[in-house]
N, C-alpha and C. Protein backbone atom coordinates (compact mmCIF):
# COMPACT_ATOMS: atom_id res chain seq x y z
N MET A 1 65.85 -109.46 -106.07
CA MET A 1 67.53 -110.47 -106.90
C MET A 1 67.91 -109.62 -106.70
N TYR A 2 69.14 -110.15 -106.66
CA TYR A 2 70.86 -109.65 -106.50
C TYR A 2 71.01 -109.36 -107.45
N ILE A 3 71.29 -108.00 -108.06
CA ILE A 3 72.05 -107.72 -108.91
C ILE A 3 73.34 -107.05 -109.20
N PRO A 4 74.21 -106.90 -109.54
CA PRO A 4 75.52 -106.69 -109.40
C PRO A 4 74.76 -105.10 -110.47
N THR A 5 75.57 -103.90 -110.32
CA THR A 5 74.70 -102.39 -111.33
C THR A 5 75.08 -102.67 -112.67
N GLN A 6 76.50 -103.50 -113.02
CA GLN A 6 76.88 -103.38 -114.42
C GLN A 6 75.92 -104.84 -115.02
N PHE A 7 75.34 -105.70 -114.56
CA PHE A 7 74.27 -106.22 -115.58
C PHE A 7 73.30 -106.37 -115.06
N ARG A 8 72.59 -105.00 -114.41
CA ARG A 8 71.44 -105.17 -114.53
C ARG A 8 70.70 -103.76 -115.88
N GLU A 9 69.80 -104.27 -116.41
CA GLU A 9 68.53 -103.88 -117.25
C GLU A 9 67.78 -102.76 -116.47
N THR A 10 67.41 -101.99 -116.71
CA THR A 10 66.74 -101.15 -116.76
C THR A 10 65.55 -100.34 -117.80
N ARG A 11 66.28 -100.62 -119.09
CA ARG A 11 65.22 -99.76 -120.17
C ARG A 11 63.65 -100.82 -120.62
N PRO A 12 62.51 -100.23 -120.29
CA PRO A 12 61.54 -101.37 -120.29
C PRO A 12 61.08 -101.48 -121.57
N ASP A 13 61.83 -101.05 -122.60
CA ASP A 13 61.56 -101.16 -124.11
C ASP A 13 62.50 -102.82 -124.26
N VAL A 14 63.73 -102.74 -123.81
CA VAL A 14 64.32 -104.11 -123.99
C VAL A 14 64.16 -104.89 -122.71
N ILE A 15 63.34 -104.54 -121.90
CA ILE A 15 63.15 -106.07 -120.89
C ILE A 15 61.18 -106.71 -121.08
N LEU A 16 60.52 -105.99 -121.88
CA LEU A 16 59.11 -105.92 -122.16
C LEU A 16 59.57 -106.71 -123.75
N ASP A 17 60.76 -106.45 -124.87
CA ASP A 17 61.22 -107.50 -125.45
C ASP A 17 61.41 -109.00 -125.70
N ALA A 18 61.92 -108.69 -124.25
CA ALA A 18 62.72 -110.28 -123.78
C ALA A 18 62.03 -110.80 -123.31
N VAL A 19 61.02 -110.58 -122.57
CA VAL A 19 59.94 -110.97 -121.46
C VAL A 19 58.89 -112.01 -122.84
N ASN A 20 58.51 -111.12 -124.02
CA ASN A 20 58.11 -111.85 -125.05
C ASN A 20 58.47 -112.42 -125.59
N ARG A 21 59.72 -112.66 -125.90
CA ARG A 21 60.80 -113.38 -126.76
C ARG A 21 60.96 -114.99 -126.10
N LEU A 22 60.86 -114.70 -124.67
CA LEU A 22 61.36 -116.03 -123.71
C LEU A 22 59.75 -116.37 -123.38
N ARG A 23 58.54 -115.56 -122.98
CA ARG A 23 57.42 -116.00 -123.15
C ARG A 23 56.44 -117.16 -122.02
N PHE A 24 57.80 -117.79 -121.54
CA PHE A 24 57.32 -118.72 -120.75
C PHE A 24 57.83 -118.72 -119.31
N GLY A 25 57.20 -118.27 -118.23
CA GLY A 25 57.84 -118.43 -117.22
C GLY A 25 56.85 -118.93 -115.86
N ILE A 26 57.81 -118.90 -114.55
CA ILE A 26 57.31 -118.88 -113.39
C ILE A 26 56.46 -118.18 -112.80
N MET A 27 54.77 -118.46 -112.78
CA MET A 27 54.39 -117.59 -111.46
C MET A 27 54.40 -118.04 -110.03
N VAL A 28 54.82 -117.46 -109.08
CA VAL A 28 54.77 -117.76 -107.93
C VAL A 28 54.10 -116.81 -106.99
N SER A 29 53.09 -117.39 -106.23
CA SER A 29 52.13 -116.85 -105.16
C SER A 29 52.27 -117.05 -104.00
N ALA A 30 52.25 -116.24 -103.05
CA ALA A 30 52.74 -116.42 -101.47
C ALA A 30 51.32 -116.01 -100.82
N GLY A 31 50.11 -116.50 -100.19
CA GLY A 31 49.45 -116.25 -99.43
C GLY A 31 48.78 -117.09 -98.20
N ALA A 32 48.14 -116.20 -97.57
CA ALA A 32 47.48 -117.24 -96.23
C ALA A 32 47.56 -118.96 -96.39
N SER A 33 47.97 -119.33 -97.15
CA SER A 33 48.05 -120.88 -97.38
C SER A 33 49.38 -121.44 -98.18
N GLY A 34 49.88 -120.45 -97.35
CA GLY A 34 51.37 -121.09 -98.18
C GLY A 34 51.68 -120.66 -99.76
N MET A 35 52.58 -121.12 -100.12
CA MET A 35 53.27 -120.30 -101.73
C MET A 35 52.76 -121.79 -102.82
N GLU A 36 52.43 -121.16 -104.23
CA GLU A 36 51.99 -122.22 -104.97
C GLU A 36 52.77 -121.50 -106.06
N ALA A 37 53.10 -122.10 -107.54
CA ALA A 37 54.04 -121.92 -108.30
C ALA A 37 53.63 -122.82 -109.44
N THR A 38 53.40 -121.88 -110.45
CA THR A 38 52.67 -122.31 -111.81
C THR A 38 53.81 -122.23 -113.03
N HIS A 39 54.93 -123.22 -113.83
CA HIS A 39 54.79 -123.03 -115.22
C HIS A 39 53.95 -122.89 -116.12
N LEU A 40 54.05 -121.45 -116.72
CA LEU A 40 53.29 -121.21 -117.83
C LEU A 40 53.10 -120.00 -118.86
N PRO A 41 53.10 -119.91 -119.72
CA PRO A 41 53.12 -119.19 -121.16
C PRO A 41 52.43 -117.62 -120.59
N LEU A 42 53.16 -116.38 -120.88
CA LEU A 42 52.41 -115.44 -120.38
C LEU A 42 52.64 -114.40 -121.48
N LEU A 43 52.24 -113.66 -121.62
CA LEU A 43 52.02 -112.77 -122.64
C LEU A 43 52.18 -110.98 -121.78
N ALA A 44 53.18 -110.58 -122.46
CA ALA A 44 53.37 -109.05 -121.67
C ALA A 44 53.18 -107.49 -122.90
N ASP A 45 52.98 -106.87 -122.03
CA ASP A 45 52.37 -105.58 -122.64
C ASP A 45 52.89 -104.26 -121.94
N THR A 46 52.15 -103.22 -122.18
CA THR A 46 52.40 -101.91 -121.32
C THR A 46 50.91 -101.65 -121.40
N LEU A 47 50.75 -100.81 -119.71
CA LEU A 47 49.64 -99.85 -120.07
C LEU A 47 49.91 -99.04 -120.00
N ASP A 48 48.99 -97.85 -120.26
CA ASP A 48 48.42 -96.40 -120.85
C ASP A 48 49.72 -95.70 -119.86
N ASP A 49 49.61 -96.56 -117.87
CA ASP A 49 50.41 -95.30 -117.37
C ASP A 49 51.98 -96.09 -117.21
N GLY A 50 52.15 -96.82 -118.28
CA GLY A 50 53.67 -96.53 -118.27
C GLY A 50 53.71 -98.40 -117.49
N ARG A 51 53.09 -99.12 -117.13
CA ARG A 51 53.26 -100.25 -116.18
C ARG A 51 52.93 -101.40 -116.79
N LEU A 52 53.73 -102.53 -116.18
CA LEU A 52 54.10 -103.88 -117.44
C LEU A 52 52.75 -104.73 -116.93
N ARG A 53 52.32 -105.11 -118.09
CA ARG A 53 51.38 -106.07 -117.62
C ARG A 53 51.78 -107.73 -118.38
N LEU A 54 50.86 -108.81 -117.34
CA LEU A 54 51.40 -109.93 -117.79
C LEU A 54 50.10 -110.81 -118.01
N ARG A 55 49.64 -111.58 -119.12
CA ARG A 55 49.14 -112.43 -119.12
C ARG A 55 48.68 -113.99 -119.43
N GLY A 56 47.76 -114.38 -119.01
CA GLY A 56 48.00 -116.05 -119.59
C GLY A 56 46.83 -116.42 -118.62
N HIS A 57 46.83 -117.82 -118.69
CA HIS A 57 45.74 -118.41 -117.83
C HIS A 57 45.79 -119.81 -117.30
N PHE A 58 45.65 -120.45 -115.78
CA PHE A 58 45.27 -121.39 -115.63
C PHE A 58 44.69 -122.81 -116.32
N ALA A 59 44.96 -123.85 -115.48
CA ALA A 59 44.24 -125.11 -115.68
C ALA A 59 42.78 -124.60 -114.51
N ARG A 60 41.51 -124.88 -114.67
CA ARG A 60 40.68 -124.77 -113.77
C ARG A 60 41.01 -124.86 -112.10
N ALA A 61 41.73 -127.06 -112.84
CA ALA A 61 41.62 -128.05 -111.47
C ALA A 61 43.06 -127.30 -110.90
N ASN A 62 44.22 -126.46 -111.13
CA ASN A 62 45.17 -126.13 -110.17
C ASN A 62 44.44 -124.89 -109.18
N PRO A 63 44.83 -125.06 -107.87
CA PRO A 63 44.52 -124.34 -107.08
C PRO A 63 44.84 -123.39 -106.82
N HIS A 64 45.77 -123.11 -107.78
CA HIS A 64 47.09 -121.31 -108.08
C HIS A 64 46.12 -119.98 -107.66
N TRP A 65 44.87 -120.38 -108.91
CA TRP A 65 44.15 -119.27 -109.17
C TRP A 65 43.37 -118.70 -108.06
N ARG A 66 42.91 -120.02 -107.08
CA ARG A 66 42.22 -119.37 -106.28
C ARG A 66 42.57 -118.42 -105.22
N MET A 67 43.92 -118.75 -105.20
CA MET A 67 44.69 -117.63 -104.15
C MET A 67 45.18 -116.69 -104.22
N LEU A 68 44.79 -115.65 -104.69
CA LEU A 68 45.85 -115.13 -105.96
C LEU A 68 45.24 -113.39 -105.15
N ALA A 69 43.94 -113.41 -104.96
CA ALA A 69 43.36 -112.27 -104.28
C ALA A 69 44.17 -112.35 -102.87
N GLY A 70 44.68 -110.85 -102.24
CA GLY A 70 45.34 -111.22 -101.38
C GLY A 70 46.42 -111.18 -101.46
N ALA A 71 47.16 -112.09 -102.19
CA ALA A 71 48.91 -112.51 -102.36
C ALA A 71 49.42 -112.06 -103.28
N SER A 72 50.74 -112.03 -102.64
CA SER A 72 51.93 -111.47 -103.37
C SER A 72 52.56 -112.43 -104.77
N SER A 73 52.37 -111.77 -105.68
CA SER A 73 52.80 -112.92 -107.09
C SER A 73 53.82 -112.19 -107.55
N LEU A 74 55.28 -113.58 -107.97
CA LEU A 74 56.02 -113.12 -108.43
C LEU A 74 56.08 -114.26 -110.19
N ALA A 75 56.51 -113.17 -111.09
CA ALA A 75 56.59 -114.02 -112.60
C ALA A 75 58.05 -113.95 -112.75
N ILE A 76 58.80 -115.22 -112.52
CA ILE A 76 60.22 -115.12 -112.93
C ILE A 76 60.19 -116.13 -115.02
N PHE A 77 61.62 -115.37 -114.84
CA PHE A 77 61.15 -115.87 -116.66
C PHE A 77 62.98 -115.67 -116.84
N GLN A 78 63.57 -116.85 -117.40
CA GLN A 78 64.76 -117.41 -117.51
C GLN A 78 65.40 -117.39 -118.95
N GLY A 79 66.65 -116.29 -119.48
CA GLY A 79 66.85 -116.71 -120.38
C GLY A 79 67.64 -117.93 -121.20
N PRO A 80 68.24 -117.34 -122.04
CA PRO A 80 70.02 -117.81 -122.20
C PRO A 80 70.82 -118.13 -120.93
N GLN A 81 71.38 -119.10 -120.47
CA GLN A 81 72.29 -119.78 -119.86
C GLN A 81 73.15 -120.06 -119.81
N ALA A 82 73.94 -120.57 -119.34
CA ALA A 82 75.61 -121.27 -119.79
C ALA A 82 76.35 -121.37 -118.82
N TYR A 83 76.91 -122.06 -118.68
CA TYR A 83 78.76 -122.17 -117.85
C TYR A 83 79.82 -121.48 -119.06
N ILE A 84 80.15 -120.88 -117.90
CA ILE A 84 81.69 -119.55 -119.21
C ILE A 84 82.72 -120.45 -118.42
N SER A 85 84.02 -121.49 -119.42
CA SER A 85 85.34 -122.01 -118.78
C SER A 85 86.12 -120.38 -118.79
N PRO A 86 86.83 -120.48 -118.19
CA PRO A 86 88.20 -119.89 -118.22
C PRO A 86 89.01 -119.69 -119.25
N SER A 87 89.36 -121.10 -120.09
CA SER A 87 89.57 -120.86 -121.28
C SER A 87 89.14 -120.34 -122.31
N PHE A 88 87.80 -120.39 -121.79
CA PHE A 88 86.97 -119.19 -123.45
C PHE A 88 88.17 -117.79 -123.32
N TYR A 89 88.41 -117.58 -122.37
CA TYR A 89 89.15 -116.13 -122.10
C TYR A 89 90.61 -115.85 -122.68
N ALA A 90 90.64 -114.71 -123.70
CA ALA A 90 91.95 -114.28 -123.94
C ALA A 90 92.49 -114.15 -122.95
N SER A 91 92.19 -113.62 -122.04
CA SER A 91 92.91 -113.28 -120.90
C SER A 91 93.98 -114.39 -119.97
N LYS A 92 93.05 -115.49 -120.04
CA LYS A 92 93.76 -116.18 -119.48
C LYS A 92 95.51 -116.59 -120.09
N ARG A 93 95.71 -116.93 -121.10
CA ARG A 93 96.80 -116.66 -121.99
C ARG A 93 97.71 -115.51 -121.77
N GLU A 94 97.14 -114.45 -121.14
CA GLU A 94 98.12 -113.48 -121.13
C GLU A 94 98.45 -113.48 -119.40
N HIS A 95 97.54 -113.75 -118.23
CA HIS A 95 98.12 -113.62 -116.73
C HIS A 95 97.55 -114.69 -115.99
N GLY A 96 96.49 -115.44 -116.51
CA GLY A 96 95.76 -116.57 -115.56
C GLY A 96 94.94 -116.46 -114.87
N LYS A 97 94.65 -114.88 -114.51
CA LYS A 97 93.68 -114.13 -113.37
C LYS A 97 92.43 -114.45 -113.85
N VAL A 98 91.85 -115.71 -114.20
CA VAL A 98 90.54 -116.37 -114.27
C VAL A 98 90.03 -117.12 -113.61
N VAL A 99 88.22 -116.93 -112.86
CA VAL A 99 87.66 -118.54 -113.12
C VAL A 99 86.52 -118.30 -114.06
N PRO A 100 85.97 -119.69 -113.35
CA PRO A 100 84.71 -119.87 -114.15
C PRO A 100 83.26 -119.47 -113.41
N THR A 101 82.50 -118.97 -114.25
CA THR A 101 81.61 -118.35 -114.02
C THR A 101 80.28 -118.91 -114.89
N TRP A 102 79.24 -118.04 -114.45
CA TRP A 102 77.47 -118.18 -115.39
C TRP A 102 77.50 -117.32 -116.31
N ASN A 103 76.73 -117.32 -117.39
CA ASN A 103 76.25 -116.03 -117.70
C ASN A 103 74.72 -116.12 -117.76
N TYR A 104 73.87 -115.75 -117.70
CA TYR A 104 72.66 -115.93 -117.98
C TYR A 104 71.70 -114.16 -118.12
N LEU A 105 70.55 -114.62 -117.91
CA LEU A 105 69.34 -113.29 -117.77
C LEU A 105 68.08 -113.83 -117.42
N ALA A 106 67.52 -113.15 -116.12
CA ALA A 106 67.02 -113.74 -115.74
C ALA A 106 65.91 -112.02 -115.25
N ILE A 107 64.81 -112.23 -115.44
CA ILE A 107 63.44 -111.46 -114.97
C ILE A 107 62.49 -111.65 -114.31
N HIS A 108 62.63 -110.60 -113.44
CA HIS A 108 61.41 -111.14 -111.80
C HIS A 108 60.88 -109.90 -111.79
N ILE A 109 59.37 -109.95 -111.89
CA ILE A 109 58.10 -109.27 -112.47
C ILE A 109 57.22 -109.31 -111.22
N SER A 110 57.34 -108.21 -110.41
CA SER A 110 56.01 -108.71 -108.90
C SER A 110 55.11 -107.45 -109.07
N GLY A 111 53.79 -108.32 -108.33
CA GLY A 111 53.16 -107.26 -108.52
C GLY A 111 51.54 -107.67 -108.10
N ALA A 112 50.35 -107.36 -107.97
CA ALA A 112 49.00 -107.80 -107.84
C ALA A 112 48.24 -108.39 -109.15
N ALA A 113 48.21 -109.63 -108.49
CA ALA A 113 48.15 -110.36 -109.75
C ALA A 113 46.27 -110.99 -109.85
N ARG A 114 45.27 -111.32 -110.43
CA ARG A 114 43.97 -111.06 -110.36
C ARG A 114 44.07 -111.98 -111.11
N ALA A 115 42.71 -113.38 -110.71
CA ALA A 115 42.05 -114.25 -111.74
C ALA A 115 40.98 -113.66 -112.67
N LEU A 116 40.94 -114.23 -113.30
CA LEU A 116 39.83 -113.69 -114.67
C LEU A 116 38.87 -115.17 -115.46
N ASP A 117 37.91 -115.19 -114.66
CA ASP A 117 36.82 -116.24 -115.21
C ASP A 117 36.04 -115.66 -116.02
N ASP A 118 36.27 -115.42 -116.87
CA ASP A 118 35.15 -114.94 -118.06
C ASP A 118 35.95 -115.23 -119.32
N ALA A 119 34.59 -116.19 -120.07
CA ALA A 119 34.35 -117.01 -121.39
C ALA A 119 35.06 -115.59 -122.46
N VAL A 120 34.52 -114.29 -122.43
CA VAL A 120 34.45 -113.51 -123.10
C VAL A 120 36.36 -113.37 -123.30
N TRP A 121 37.06 -112.76 -122.30
CA TRP A 121 38.32 -112.23 -121.83
C TRP A 121 38.75 -113.47 -122.60
N LEU A 122 38.48 -114.94 -122.04
CA LEU A 122 40.20 -115.73 -122.03
C LEU A 122 39.76 -116.58 -123.65
N ARG A 123 38.52 -116.21 -123.81
CA ARG A 123 38.62 -117.06 -125.99
C ARG A 123 39.72 -115.83 -126.56
N ARG A 124 39.38 -113.96 -126.41
CA ARG A 124 40.06 -112.95 -126.62
C ARG A 124 41.53 -113.37 -126.22
N PHE A 125 42.13 -114.02 -125.11
CA PHE A 125 43.12 -114.24 -125.20
C PHE A 125 43.67 -115.29 -125.72
N VAL A 126 43.01 -116.43 -125.44
CA VAL A 126 43.78 -117.90 -126.60
C VAL A 126 43.54 -117.57 -127.54
N ASP A 127 43.06 -116.47 -128.10
CA ASP A 127 43.29 -116.18 -129.93
C ASP A 127 44.82 -115.24 -129.89
N GLU A 128 44.90 -114.37 -128.86
CA GLU A 128 46.27 -114.10 -129.05
C GLU A 128 47.24 -114.70 -129.07
N LEU A 129 46.97 -115.28 -127.73
CA LEU A 129 48.15 -116.26 -127.43
C LEU A 129 48.96 -117.04 -128.66
N THR A 130 47.63 -117.78 -129.17
CA THR A 130 47.85 -118.55 -130.30
C THR A 130 48.80 -118.03 -131.46
N GLN A 131 48.18 -116.89 -132.09
CA GLN A 131 48.70 -115.42 -133.08
C GLN A 131 50.26 -115.76 -132.81
N ALA A 132 50.58 -115.17 -131.22
CA ALA A 132 51.64 -115.31 -131.70
C ALA A 132 52.80 -115.92 -131.18
N GLN A 133 52.66 -117.54 -130.83
CA GLN A 133 52.90 -118.52 -131.07
C GLN A 133 52.83 -119.32 -132.52
N GLU A 134 51.79 -119.15 -133.11
CA GLU A 134 52.10 -119.44 -134.52
C GLU A 134 52.57 -118.80 -135.58
N ALA A 135 52.76 -117.27 -135.08
CA ALA A 135 53.23 -116.41 -136.41
C ALA A 135 54.82 -116.95 -136.74
N GLY A 136 54.49 -116.88 -138.13
CA GLY A 136 55.69 -117.20 -138.77
C GLY A 136 55.84 -118.42 -139.49
N ARG A 137 55.24 -119.28 -138.94
CA ARG A 137 54.81 -121.29 -139.77
C ARG A 137 53.80 -120.61 -141.18
N ALA A 138 54.30 -121.58 -141.70
CA ALA A 138 54.39 -121.23 -143.07
C ALA A 138 52.41 -121.59 -143.28
N GLN A 139 51.72 -122.49 -142.27
CA GLN A 139 50.75 -122.82 -142.25
C GLN A 139 50.03 -122.45 -140.73
N PRO A 140 49.69 -121.31 -140.39
CA PRO A 140 49.68 -121.13 -139.09
C PRO A 140 47.88 -121.96 -138.39
N TRP A 141 48.26 -122.27 -137.49
CA TRP A 141 46.92 -123.15 -136.76
C TRP A 141 45.93 -121.68 -136.32
N ALA A 142 45.31 -121.39 -135.96
CA ALA A 142 44.34 -120.62 -135.74
C ALA A 142 43.32 -121.69 -135.17
N VAL A 143 42.64 -120.58 -133.73
CA VAL A 143 42.17 -121.22 -132.90
C VAL A 143 40.40 -121.61 -133.54
N SER A 144 40.46 -120.69 -134.38
CA SER A 144 38.74 -120.85 -135.31
C SER A 144 38.73 -122.07 -136.03
N ASP A 145 40.42 -122.71 -135.77
CA ASP A 145 40.74 -123.59 -136.98
C ASP A 145 39.60 -125.60 -136.39
N ALA A 146 39.44 -125.16 -134.71
CA ALA A 146 38.89 -126.61 -133.75
C ALA A 146 37.61 -126.20 -134.00
N PRO A 147 36.44 -127.10 -133.85
CA PRO A 147 34.83 -126.48 -133.44
C PRO A 147 34.17 -125.87 -132.62
N GLU A 148 33.54 -125.00 -132.49
CA GLU A 148 33.00 -124.30 -132.03
C GLU A 148 32.37 -124.85 -130.54
N GLU A 149 31.80 -126.07 -130.52
CA GLU A 149 31.56 -126.39 -129.73
C GLU A 149 32.91 -127.52 -128.37
N TYR A 150 33.82 -127.56 -128.81
CA TYR A 150 35.04 -127.77 -128.62
C TYR A 150 35.47 -126.60 -127.71
N LEU A 151 35.82 -125.83 -128.49
CA LEU A 151 36.39 -124.81 -128.00
C LEU A 151 35.81 -124.14 -126.96
N ARG A 152 34.00 -124.16 -126.88
CA ARG A 152 33.29 -123.17 -125.52
C ARG A 152 34.04 -124.49 -124.58
N GLY A 153 34.35 -125.59 -124.93
CA GLY A 153 34.06 -126.78 -123.87
C GLY A 153 35.75 -126.39 -122.94
N MET A 154 36.63 -126.36 -123.94
CA MET A 154 38.35 -126.30 -123.71
C MET A 154 38.26 -125.10 -122.70
N VAL A 155 37.92 -123.87 -123.00
CA VAL A 155 37.76 -122.85 -122.93
C VAL A 155 37.19 -122.16 -121.24
N LYS A 156 36.28 -123.23 -121.19
CA LYS A 156 35.66 -123.86 -119.41
C LYS A 156 36.45 -124.36 -118.43
N ALA A 157 38.17 -125.17 -119.22
CA ALA A 157 38.74 -125.97 -118.69
C ALA A 157 39.91 -124.33 -117.96
N ILE A 158 39.77 -123.01 -118.05
CA ILE A 158 40.58 -122.59 -118.08
C ILE A 158 40.07 -121.45 -117.07
N VAL A 159 41.31 -120.84 -116.59
CA VAL A 159 40.35 -119.98 -116.01
C VAL A 159 42.31 -118.49 -116.27
N GLY A 160 41.74 -117.01 -116.81
CA GLY A 160 42.62 -116.13 -117.20
C GLY A 160 43.57 -115.53 -115.67
N VAL A 161 44.60 -115.15 -115.92
CA VAL A 161 45.39 -114.52 -115.13
C VAL A 161 45.54 -113.27 -115.26
N GLU A 162 45.64 -112.07 -114.30
CA GLU A 162 46.46 -110.90 -114.92
C GLU A 162 47.45 -110.30 -113.88
N LEU A 163 48.96 -110.09 -114.38
CA LEU A 163 49.44 -109.49 -113.20
C LEU A 163 50.34 -108.46 -113.67
N VAL A 164 49.63 -107.12 -112.96
CA VAL A 164 50.07 -105.87 -113.18
C VAL A 164 50.96 -105.55 -111.89
N ALA A 165 52.66 -105.18 -112.77
CA ALA A 165 54.05 -104.71 -112.49
C ALA A 165 53.75 -103.66 -111.21
N ASP A 166 54.33 -104.12 -109.91
CA ASP A 166 54.79 -102.79 -109.21
C ASP A 166 56.38 -102.62 -109.33
N LYS A 167 57.11 -103.80 -109.59
CA LYS A 167 58.14 -103.50 -109.39
C LYS A 167 59.19 -105.03 -111.04
N VAL A 168 60.17 -104.44 -111.30
CA VAL A 168 60.50 -105.25 -112.29
C VAL A 168 61.75 -105.10 -112.38
N GLU A 169 62.74 -106.76 -112.25
CA GLU A 169 64.30 -106.44 -111.79
C GLU A 169 65.04 -107.30 -113.31
N ALA A 170 65.82 -106.82 -113.77
CA ALA A 170 66.18 -107.69 -115.09
C ALA A 170 67.80 -107.85 -114.96
N ALA A 171 68.32 -109.01 -114.80
CA ALA A 171 69.39 -109.42 -114.17
C ALA A 171 70.12 -109.82 -116.26
N TRP A 172 71.19 -109.10 -116.37
CA TRP A 172 71.39 -109.94 -117.73
C TRP A 172 73.23 -109.69 -117.87
N LYS A 173 73.55 -110.70 -117.24
CA LYS A 173 74.71 -110.83 -117.51
C LYS A 173 75.68 -112.33 -118.47
N PHE A 174 76.01 -111.33 -119.72
CA PHE A 174 76.61 -111.84 -120.58
C PHE A 174 78.27 -111.10 -120.72
N VAL A 175 78.99 -110.89 -120.14
CA VAL A 175 80.38 -110.70 -120.24
C VAL A 175 80.57 -109.18 -120.36
N GLN A 176 79.55 -108.18 -120.10
CA GLN A 176 79.90 -106.99 -120.46
C GLN A 176 80.44 -106.05 -119.35
N HIS A 177 81.09 -107.03 -118.63
CA HIS A 177 82.02 -105.83 -117.92
C HIS A 177 83.28 -107.10 -118.62
N ARG A 178 84.09 -107.21 -119.50
CA ARG A 178 85.04 -107.92 -119.99
C ARG A 178 85.71 -107.00 -121.16
N SER A 179 86.98 -107.71 -121.91
CA SER A 179 87.45 -107.08 -122.47
C SER A 179 86.40 -107.27 -123.89
N ASP A 180 87.01 -106.83 -125.42
CA ASP A 180 86.67 -107.48 -126.42
C ASP A 180 86.74 -108.83 -126.86
N ALA A 181 88.31 -109.32 -126.18
CA ALA A 181 89.25 -110.08 -127.07
C ALA A 181 88.30 -111.15 -126.32
N ASP A 182 88.11 -110.81 -124.42
CA ASP A 182 87.63 -111.90 -123.90
C ASP A 182 86.01 -112.10 -124.56
N ARG A 183 85.36 -110.96 -125.09
CA ARG A 183 83.82 -111.27 -124.74
C ARG A 183 83.95 -112.57 -126.22
N ALA A 184 84.83 -112.04 -127.51
CA ALA A 184 84.78 -112.88 -128.36
C ALA A 184 85.52 -114.48 -128.25
N GLY A 185 85.94 -114.41 -127.30
CA GLY A 185 86.74 -115.74 -127.26
C GLY A 185 84.78 -116.57 -126.31
N VAL A 186 84.24 -115.49 -125.68
CA VAL A 186 83.35 -116.85 -124.95
C VAL A 186 82.31 -116.85 -125.87
N LEU A 187 81.76 -116.22 -126.83
CA LEU A 187 81.49 -116.59 -128.03
C LEU A 187 81.80 -117.77 -128.68
N ALA A 188 83.32 -117.31 -128.96
CA ALA A 188 83.69 -118.86 -129.39
C ALA A 188 83.68 -119.94 -129.60
N GLY A 189 83.73 -120.34 -127.77
CA GLY A 189 83.33 -121.49 -127.35
C GLY A 189 82.48 -121.94 -127.29
N LEU A 190 81.05 -120.58 -126.64
CA LEU A 190 79.89 -121.26 -126.90
C LEU A 190 79.85 -122.10 -127.71
N GLU A 191 80.08 -121.02 -129.23
CA GLU A 191 79.98 -121.97 -130.86
C GLU A 191 80.43 -123.13 -130.53
N ALA A 192 81.35 -123.60 -130.15
CA ALA A 192 81.72 -124.54 -130.11
C ALA A 192 81.66 -125.78 -129.47
N GLU A 193 80.93 -124.90 -128.50
CA GLU A 193 80.39 -126.28 -127.10
C GLU A 193 78.61 -125.60 -127.13
N ASN A 194 78.12 -125.18 -127.20
CA ASN A 194 77.07 -124.85 -127.18
C ASN A 194 76.26 -123.46 -128.59
N PRO A 195 76.03 -124.22 -129.21
CA PRO A 195 76.09 -123.13 -130.38
C PRO A 195 74.55 -122.43 -130.10
N ALA A 196 72.98 -123.25 -129.91
CA ALA A 196 72.19 -122.44 -129.82
C ALA A 196 72.44 -121.63 -128.91
N ALA A 197 72.90 -121.94 -127.27
CA ALA A 197 73.50 -120.68 -126.40
C ALA A 197 74.21 -119.45 -127.17
N ALA A 198 75.30 -119.55 -127.69
CA ALA A 198 75.83 -118.84 -128.96
C ALA A 198 75.56 -118.38 -129.05
N ALA A 199 74.21 -118.67 -130.33
CA ALA A 199 73.25 -117.65 -130.72
C ALA A 199 72.37 -116.68 -130.27
N LEU A 200 71.82 -117.21 -128.73
CA LEU A 200 71.33 -116.46 -127.86
C LEU A 200 71.61 -115.33 -127.42
N VAL A 201 73.21 -115.70 -126.46
CA VAL A 201 73.76 -114.79 -126.29
C VAL A 201 73.88 -113.82 -127.22
N ALA A 202 74.38 -113.93 -128.57
CA ALA A 202 75.10 -113.04 -129.32
C ALA A 202 73.38 -111.92 -129.53
N ALA A 203 72.44 -112.63 -129.71
CA ALA A 203 70.90 -111.93 -130.12
C ALA A 203 70.95 -110.97 -129.21
N LEU A 204 70.75 -111.35 -127.86
CA LEU A 204 70.56 -110.60 -126.62
C LEU A 204 71.55 -109.43 -126.55
N GLU A 205 72.61 -109.51 -126.61
CA GLU A 205 73.81 -108.92 -126.74
C GLU A 205 74.10 -107.55 -127.49
N THR A 206 73.08 -107.97 -128.54
CA THR A 206 73.11 -107.31 -129.17
C THR A 206 71.82 -106.37 -129.52
N GLN A 207 70.79 -106.69 -128.98
CA GLN A 207 69.54 -106.20 -128.88
C GLN A 207 69.75 -105.01 -127.60
N ARG A 208 70.63 -105.71 -126.49
CA ARG A 208 70.49 -105.12 -125.42
C ARG A 208 71.75 -103.82 -125.58
N SER A 209 72.36 -103.83 -126.17
CA SER A 209 73.44 -102.89 -126.94
C SER A 209 73.03 -101.91 -127.91
N GLY A 210 71.27 -101.96 -128.26
CA GLY A 210 71.43 -101.26 -129.47
C GLY A 210 71.93 -101.20 -130.40
N ILE A 211 72.61 -101.93 -131.31
CA ILE A 211 73.22 -102.24 -132.07
C ILE A 211 72.16 -102.05 -133.40
């Protein structure tokens, strides 16, 4: 992924936290039979050797999991993104030397992926994924709320996937190369036109700067 130096994020803890905030990615695999892409929720953690690991699951009917052995795989996460109008910048009123751009967060994680057709692993993973998704709800739903026989049938319909990263790239383009006045103008402009994007951009910038 092309990333200008000023937009490159390399801190493992910041990237790990961002992946687990975003959680929904695209896994792309290229093998002898061609390419497959699947959109799926993924949980991230770090192995003892420091490598980032992703875990998720495919529908058993999805042919993607059958091609993982010997294939190259890439997981793509996209965070908040928004068009940035030159009219947002304070510098537009000063000298007019501004052009439109796009702000975004993108993370690419590539490595060897493997399928896990293991009912015990899958049951443990869906418990963990559900807990992560339900956290913060007043009455969180638990996997154990469903009938056991029904759960066994549902687990049979999925196959796990684990990807251990050998390369991690993160692009964090949020006007960090511009003046304080221009950054404030971008946040104000987004707040007026796209409040959800403004809130996410502000939160991620605070996280990235370590404030």
